[in-house]
Amino acid sequence: MEMKQLIDRLHKEGCSCVIHNDGQTLTFNQRGVKDLFTLLKERPRLLDGAMIADKVVGKGAAALMIAGGVSEVYADVISAPALALLQKSQTAISYGECVDNIINRKGTGICPVESLCLDCTTADECIPLIENFITNLNN
């Protein structure tokens, strides 16, 4: 499977993320980083060596992808901090548009996960912050 096929499927099906690994292609629809976080915790082998096409990649999503061992990422929109983190990890990356930061759903400021991870210099520093954020969302 080629990245172009994943990107086409991302746009055709209107999903938030398409992941391909080991001959298996899966689509996901949750907003934010929940799907990636759940995969990292419950199905880490699916991420290891995977190709991902995603609509929006902020620094938190980038950290989860790096921690999971993703080999290649395409983002319709990526934040500059996410791009820098992915480039530092030597993950192959392509994108449609790079923005300063991912904006929250209300359009009133920076996405909360992006904001949480801004001062982190590695993916490993981001993961506990994301885990705490998601845990608090679910309670």
C-alpha atoms as a PDB file:
ATOM      1  CA  MET A   1       0.000   0.000   0.000  1.00  0.00           C
ATOM      2  CA  GLU A   2       1.223   3.461  -0.834  1.00  0.00           C
ATOM      3  CA  MET A   3       0.709   6.641   1.160  1.00  0.00           C
ATOM      4  CA  LYS A   4      -1.323   8.126  -1.718  1.00  0.00           C
ATOM      5  CA  GLN A   5      -3.922   5.350  -1.248  1.00  0.00           C
ATOM      6  CA  LEU A   6      -4.173   6.133   2.466  1.00  0.00           C
ATOM      7  CA  ILE A   7      -4.577   9.849   1.748  1.00  0.00           C
ATOM      8  CA  ASP A   8      -7.278   9.135  -0.850  1.00  0.00           C
ATOM      9  CA  ARG A   9      -9.142   6.961   1.659  1.00  0.00           C
ATOM     10  CA  LEU A  10      -8.779   9.623   4.377  1.00  0.00           C
ATOM     11  CA  HIS A  11     -10.497  12.156   2.127  1.00  0.00           C
ATOM     12  CA  LYS A  12     -13.049   9.832   0.504  1.00  0.00           C
ATOM     13  CA  GLU A  13     -14.319   8.320   3.759  1.00  0.00           C
ATOM     14  CA  GLY A  14     -14.113  11.522   5.791  1.00  0.00           C
ATOM     15  CA  CYS A  15     -12.405   9.751   8.668  1.00  0.00           C
ATOM     16  CA  SER A  16      -9.905  11.401  10.989  1.00  0.00           C
ATOM     17  CA  CYS A  17      -7.095   8.896  10.507  1.00  0.00           C
ATOM     18  CA  VAL A  18      -6.121   5.911   8.322  1.00  0.00           C
ATOM     19  CA  ILE A  19      -3.456   3.474   9.509  1.00  0.00           C
ATOM     20  CA  HIS A  20      -1.804   0.774   7.424  1.00  0.00           C
ATOM     21  CA  ASN A  21       0.470  -1.914   8.851  1.00  0.00           C
ATOM     22  CA  ASP A  22       1.153  -5.589   8.150  1.00  0.00           C
ATOM     23  CA  GLY A  23      -1.294  -5.741   5.243  1.00  0.00           C
ATOM     24  CA  GLN A  24      -4.101  -4.316   7.376  1.00  0.00           C
ATOM     25  CA  THR A  25      -5.710  -0.903   6.845  1.00  0.00           C
ATOM     26  CA  LEU A  26      -7.940   0.586   9.542  1.00  0.00           C
ATOM     27  CA  THR A  27      -9.867   3.858   9.712  1.00  0.00           C
ATOM     28  CA  PHE A  28     -10.621   5.910  12.816  1.00  0.00           C
ATOM     29  CA  ASN A  29     -13.107   8.693  13.475  1.00  0.00           C
ATOM     30  CA  GLN A  30     -12.611  10.178  16.943  1.00  0.00           C
ATOM     31  CA  ARG A  31     -11.411  13.740  17.212  1.00  0.00           C
ATOM     32  CA  GLY A  32      -8.192  14.641  18.952  1.00  0.00           C
ATOM     33  CA  VAL A  33      -5.619  12.096  20.081  1.00  0.00           C
ATOM     34  CA  LYS A  34      -7.930   9.491  21.651  1.00  0.00           C
ATOM     35  CA  ASP A  35      -7.610   6.900  18.872  1.00  0.00           C
ATOM     36  CA  LEU A  36      -3.815   7.120  18.774  1.00  0.00           C
ATOM     37  CA  PHE A  37      -3.560   7.008  22.562  1.00  0.00           C
ATOM     38  CA  THR A  38      -5.836   3.959  22.759  1.00  0.00           C
ATOM     39  CA  LEU A  39      -3.821   2.188  20.056  1.00  0.00           C
ATOM     40  CA  LEU A  40      -0.530   2.950  21.798  1.00  0.00           C
ATOM     41  CA  LYS A  41      -1.859   1.497  25.048  1.00  0.00           C
ATOM     42  CA  GLU A  42      -3.954  -1.417  23.754  1.00  0.00           C
ATOM     43  CA  ARG A  43      -2.587  -2.350  20.302  1.00  0.00           C
ATOM     44  CA  PRO A  44       0.967  -0.994  20.093  1.00  0.00           C
ATOM     45  CA  ARG A  45       1.994  -3.481  17.395  1.00  0.00           C
ATOM     46  CA  LEU A  46      -0.451  -1.821  14.996  1.00  0.00           C
ATOM     47  CA  LEU A  47       1.539   1.423  15.228  1.00  0.00           C
ATOM     48  CA  ASP A  48       5.035  -0.084  15.072  1.00  0.00           C
ATOM     49  CA  GLY A  49       6.250   0.487  11.499  1.00  0.00           C
ATOM     50  CA  ALA A  50       2.838   1.803  10.370  1.00  0.00           C
ATOM     51  CA  MET A  51       1.990   4.396   7.746  1.00  0.00           C
ATOM     52  CA  ILE A  52      -0.566   6.975   8.900  1.00  0.00           C
ATOM     53  CA  ALA A  53      -2.634   9.535   7.003  1.00  0.00           C
ATOM     54  CA  ASP A  54      -4.275  11.991   9.402  1.00  0.00           C
ATOM     55  CA  LYS A  55      -6.343  15.141   9.000  1.00  0.00           C
ATOM     56  CA  VAL A  56      -4.726  17.127  11.819  1.00  0.00           C
ATOM     57  CA  VAL A  57      -1.438  16.393  13.589  1.00  0.00           C
ATOM     58  CA  GLY A  58      -0.465  18.465  16.587  1.00  0.00           C
ATOM     59  CA  LYS A  59       2.485  17.880  18.875  1.00  0.00           C
ATOM     60  CA  GLY A  60       0.552  15.404  21.038  1.00  0.00           C
ATOM     61  CA  ALA A  61      -0.445  13.239  18.072  1.00  0.00           C
ATOM     62  CA  ALA A  62       3.123  13.418  16.753  1.00  0.00           C
ATOM     63  CA  ALA A  63       4.451  12.264  20.135  1.00  0.00           C
ATOM     64  CA  LEU A  64       2.051   9.300  20.188  1.00  0.00           C
ATOM     65  CA  MET A  65       3.077   8.345  16.640  1.00  0.00           C
ATOM     66  CA  ILE A  66       6.774   8.526  17.543  1.00  0.00           C
ATOM     67  CA  ALA A  67       6.262   6.534  20.761  1.00  0.00           C
ATOM     68  CA  GLY A  68       4.397   3.920  18.738  1.00  0.00           C
ATOM     69  CA  GLY A  69       7.197   3.603  16.183  1.00  0.00           C
ATOM     70  CA  VAL A  70       5.236   4.872  13.171  1.00  0.00           C
ATOM     71  CA  SER A  71       7.442   4.923  10.070  1.00  0.00           C
ATOM     72  CA  GLU A  72       5.631   7.435   7.853  1.00  0.00           C
ATOM     73  CA  VAL A  73       3.071  10.191   8.452  1.00  0.00           C
ATOM     74  CA  TYR A  74       0.962  12.371   6.176  1.00  0.00           C
ATOM     75  CA  ALA A  75      -1.086  15.239   7.672  1.00  0.00           C
ATOM     76  CA  ASP A  76      -3.537  17.539   5.897  1.00  0.00           C
ATOM     77  CA  VAL A  77      -2.620  20.079   8.587  1.00  0.00           C
ATOM     78  CA  ILE A  78       0.372  19.843  10.918  1.00  0.00           C
ATOM     79  CA  SER A  79       1.588  22.240  13.578  1.00  0.00           C
ATOM     80  CA  ALA A  80       5.153  23.555  13.455  1.00  0.00           C
ATOM     81  CA  PRO A  81       5.929  21.963  16.875  1.00  0.00           C
ATOM     82  CA  ALA A  82       4.624  18.575  15.628  1.00  0.00           C
ATOM     83  CA  LEU A  83       6.649  18.847  12.439  1.00  0.00           C
ATOM     84  CA  ALA A  84       9.828  19.645  14.401  1.00  0.00           C
ATOM     85  CA  LEU A  85       9.274  16.680  16.748  1.00  0.00           C
ATOM     86  CA  LEU A  86       8.667  14.278  13.849  1.00  0.00           C
ATOM     87  CA  GLN A  87      11.695  15.570  11.950  1.00  0.00           C
ATOM     88  CA  LYS A  88      13.863  15.122  15.050  1.00  0.00           C
ATOM     89  CA  SER A  89      12.705  11.507  15.323  1.00  0.00           C
ATOM     90  CA  GLN A  90      13.515  10.935  11.654  1.00  0.00           C
ATOM     91  CA  THR A  91       9.953   9.802  10.915  1.00  0.00           C
ATOM     92  CA  ALA A  92       9.120  10.305   7.213  1.00  0.00           C
ATOM     93  CA  ILE A  93       6.640  13.181   7.037  1.00  0.00           C
ATOM     94  CA  SER A  94       4.605  14.915   4.354  1.00  0.00           C
ATOM     95  CA  TYR A  95       1.777  17.397   4.784  1.00  0.00           C
ATOM     96  CA  GLY A  96      -0.627  19.754   3.077  1.00  0.00           C
ATOM     97  CA  GLU A  97      -0.281  22.797   5.346  1.00  0.00           C
ATOM     98  CA  CYS A  98       1.917  23.706   8.307  1.00  0.00           C
ATOM     99  CA  VAL A  99       0.424  26.072  10.889  1.00  0.00           C
ATOM    100  CA  ASP A 100       1.903  27.704  13.993  1.00  0.00           C
ATOM    101  CA  ASN A 101      -0.344  25.689  16.350  1.00  0.00           C
ATOM    102  CA  ILE A 102      -3.429  23.529  16.239  1.00  0.00           C
ATOM    103  CA  ILE A 103      -6.440  25.567  17.352  1.00  0.00           C
ATOM    104  CA  ASN A 104      -9.074  24.237  19.763  1.00  0.00           C
ATOM    105  CA  ARG A 105     -12.522  23.196  18.518  1.00  0.00           C
ATOM    106  CA  LYS A 106     -14.106  26.489  19.592  1.00  0.00           C
ATOM    107  CA  GLY A 107     -11.473  28.462  17.676  1.00  0.00           C
ATOM    108  CA  THR A 108     -10.606  30.453  20.787  1.00  0.00           C
ATOM    109  CA  GLY A 109      -7.021  29.344  21.415  1.00  0.00           C
ATOM    110  CA  ILE A 110      -4.464  26.568  21.138  1.00  0.00           C
ATOM    111  CA  CYS A 111      -5.695  22.962  21.323  1.00  0.00           C
ATOM    112  CA  PRO A 112      -5.374  21.760  24.946  1.00  0.00           C
ATOM    113  CA  VAL A 113      -3.128  18.791  24.071  1.00  0.00           C
ATOM    114  CA  GLU A 114      -0.927  20.975  21.860  1.00  0.00           C
ATOM    115  CA  SER A 115      -0.670  23.466  24.710  1.00  0.00           C
ATOM    116  CA  LEU A 116       0.203  20.725  27.239  1.00  0.00           C
ATOM    117  CA  CYS A 117       3.053  19.460  25.067  1.00  0.00           C
ATOM    118  CA  LEU A 118       4.502  22.788  23.895  1.00  0.00           C
ATOM    119  CA  ASP A 119       7.440  22.828  26.325  1.00  0.00           C
ATOM    120  CA  CYS A 120       8.298  19.129  25.890  1.00  0.00           C
ATOM    121  CA  THR A 121      11.414  18.375  23.881  1.00  0.00           C
ATOM    122  CA  THR A 122      10.791  14.642  23.331  1.00  0.00           C
ATOM    123  CA  ALA A 123       7.840  12.370  22.640  1.00  0.00           C
ATOM    124  CA  ASP A 124       8.509  10.556  25.921  1.00  0.00           C
ATOM    125  CA  GLU A 125       7.963  13.790  27.847  1.00  0.00           C
ATOM    126  CA  CYS A 126       4.571  14.276  26.166  1.00  0.00           C
ATOM    127  CA  ILE A 127       3.081  10.820  26.814  1.00  0.00           C
ATOM    128  CA  PRO A 128       2.375  11.133  30.589  1.00  0.00           C
ATOM    129  CA  LEU A 129       0.821  14.571  30.027  1.00  0.00           C
ATOM    130  CA  ILE A 130      -1.470  13.175  27.309  1.00  0.00           C
ATOM    131  CA  GLU A 131      -2.341  10.157  29.463  1.00  0.00           C
ATOM    132  CA  ASN A 132      -3.318  12.418  32.359  1.00  0.00           C
ATOM    133  CA  PHE A 133      -5.384  14.638  30.036  1.00  0.00           C
ATOM    134  CA  ILE A 134      -7.302  11.685  28.563  1.00  0.00           C
ATOM    135  CA  THR A 135      -7.822  10.082  31.968  1.00  0.00           C
ATOM    136  CA  ASN A 136      -9.333  13.326  33.250  1.00  0.00           C
ATOM    137  CA  LEU A 137     -11.569  13.578  30.152  1.00  0.00           C
ATOM    138  CA  ASN A 138     -12.975  10.114  30.818  1.00  0.00           C
ATOM    139  CA  ASN A 139     -13.782  10.831  34.491  1.00  0.00           C
END
